Protein backbone atom coordinates (compact mmCIF):
# COMPACT_ATOMS: atom_id res chain seq x y z
CA UNK A 1 -8.79 57.52 -14.78
CA UNK A 2 -10.56 60.08 -16.68
CA UNK A 3 -13.31 59.39 -19.12
CA UNK A 4 -11.06 60.46 -22.10
CA UNK A 5 -8.32 58.14 -20.81
CA UNK A 6 -10.86 55.21 -20.77
CA UNK A 7 -11.99 55.99 -24.09
CA UNK A 8 -8.48 56.14 -25.49
CA UNK A 9 -7.48 52.97 -23.89
CA UNK A 10 -10.70 51.10 -25.25
CA UNK A 11 -9.86 52.36 -28.71
CA UNK A 12 -6.08 51.49 -28.62
CA UNK A 13 -6.45 48.20 -26.99
CA UNK A 14 -9.12 47.31 -29.53
CA UNK A 15 -11.95 46.82 -27.18
CA UNK A 16 -14.03 49.56 -28.79
CA UNK A 17 -15.19 50.24 -32.11
CA UNK A 18 -14.29 53.76 -33.66
CA UNK A 19 -18.05 54.62 -34.03
CA UNK A 20 -18.65 53.79 -30.43
CA UNK A 21 -15.65 55.88 -29.33
CA UNK A 22 -16.95 58.89 -31.51
CA UNK A 23 -20.40 58.45 -29.99
CA UNK A 24 -18.82 58.59 -26.37
CA UNK A 25 -16.76 61.48 -27.27
CA UNK A 26 -19.77 63.35 -28.49
CA UNK A 27 -21.68 62.74 -25.47
CA UNK A 28 -18.71 64.00 -23.40
CA UNK A 29 -18.72 67.05 -25.33
CA UNK A 30 -22.56 67.64 -25.01
CA UNK A 31 -22.16 67.16 -21.22
CA UNK A 32 -19.34 69.57 -20.80
CA UNK A 33 -21.08 72.21 -22.84
CA UNK A 34 -24.18 71.78 -20.75
CA UNK A 35 -22.21 72.12 -17.51
CA UNK A 36 -20.33 75.21 -18.70
CA UNK A 37 -23.39 76.82 -19.95
CA UNK A 38 -25.14 76.35 -16.65
CA UNK A 39 -22.29 77.63 -14.73
CA UNK A 40 -22.10 80.75 -17.09
CA UNK A 41 -25.84 81.19 -16.52
CA UNK A 42 -25.55 81.09 -12.77
CA UNK A 43 -22.64 83.38 -12.69
CA UNK A 44 -24.49 85.85 -15.00
CA UNK A 45 -27.36 85.69 -12.61
CA UNK A 46 -25.00 86.28 -9.58
CA UNK A 47 -23.15 89.17 -10.81
CA UNK A 48 -25.74 91.07 -12.88
CA UNK A 49 -28.41 91.22 -10.25
CA UNK A 50 -30.16 94.50 -10.06
CA UNK A 51 -29.41 96.21 -6.81
CA UNK A 52 -31.96 98.32 -4.96
CA UNK A 53 -29.90 101.57 -5.22
CA UNK A 54 -29.26 101.19 -8.99
CA UNK A 55 -30.19 104.06 -11.23
CA UNK A 56 -32.27 103.24 -14.55
CA UNK A 57 -29.15 103.53 -16.62
CA UNK A 58 -27.17 101.17 -14.39
CA UNK A 59 -30.07 98.74 -14.42
CA UNK A 60 -30.12 98.87 -18.08
CA UNK A 61 -26.46 98.20 -18.31
CA UNK A 62 -26.66 95.28 -16.02
CA UNK A 63 -29.55 93.81 -17.99
CA UNK A 64 -27.76 94.12 -21.28
CA UNK A 65 -24.62 92.49 -19.86
CA UNK A 66 -26.78 89.76 -18.47
CA UNK A 67 -28.46 89.32 -21.83
CA UNK A 68 -25.01 89.02 -23.46
CA UNK A 69 -23.90 86.29 -21.12
CA UNK A 70 -27.13 84.56 -21.62
CA UNK A 71 -26.53 84.68 -25.48
CA UNK A 72 -22.93 83.33 -24.85
CA UNK A 73 -24.30 80.34 -22.88
CA UNK A 74 -26.78 79.64 -25.60
CA UNK A 75 -23.91 79.73 -28.19
CA UNK A 76 -21.85 77.27 -25.96
CA UNK A 77 -24.82 74.88 -25.84
CA UNK A 78 -25.34 75.00 -29.53
CA UNK A 79 -21.70 74.79 -30.56
CA UNK A 80 -20.95 71.70 -28.18
CA UNK A 81 -24.06 70.04 -29.28
CA UNK A 82 -23.49 69.85 -32.97
CA UNK A 83 -19.91 69.22 -32.82
CA UNK A 84 -19.03 72.43 -34.83
CA UNK A 85 -17.51 75.29 -32.86
CA UNK A 86 -16.60 77.48 -35.79
CA UNK A 87 -17.83 77.80 -39.39
CA UNK A 88 -15.66 76.85 -42.10
CA UNK A 89 -14.72 79.87 -44.14
CA UNK A 90 -15.12 79.91 -47.98
CA UNK A 91 -11.99 78.55 -49.67
CA UNK A 92 -10.85 80.61 -52.53
CA UNK A 93 -9.31 79.18 -55.65
CA UNK A 94 -5.97 81.14 -55.71
CA UNK A 95 -4.98 79.46 -58.97
CA UNK A 96 -7.69 80.79 -61.21
CA UNK A 97 -6.84 83.72 -63.47
CA UNK A 98 -9.00 86.87 -63.64
């Protein structure tokens, strides 16, 4: 049984309190984000290594792509650690008159 199934069963069966379930789900989200981020970093290091016969332009391009993947991994870690994957857009009041 997966961790999510155990958490769901504990919540439905009444053995776990909702705040405990929320804490477990948050911990699973953080762990998943950390694992994905580590995998992305390893993949970036693997595919964007500087080759001995690269020109300077190609080396710069590889370095830029590597940096972009590192920033994506940083965003993934930050987004999964705080629970907000996106920002909420500003809500406009459509009923107001100009």
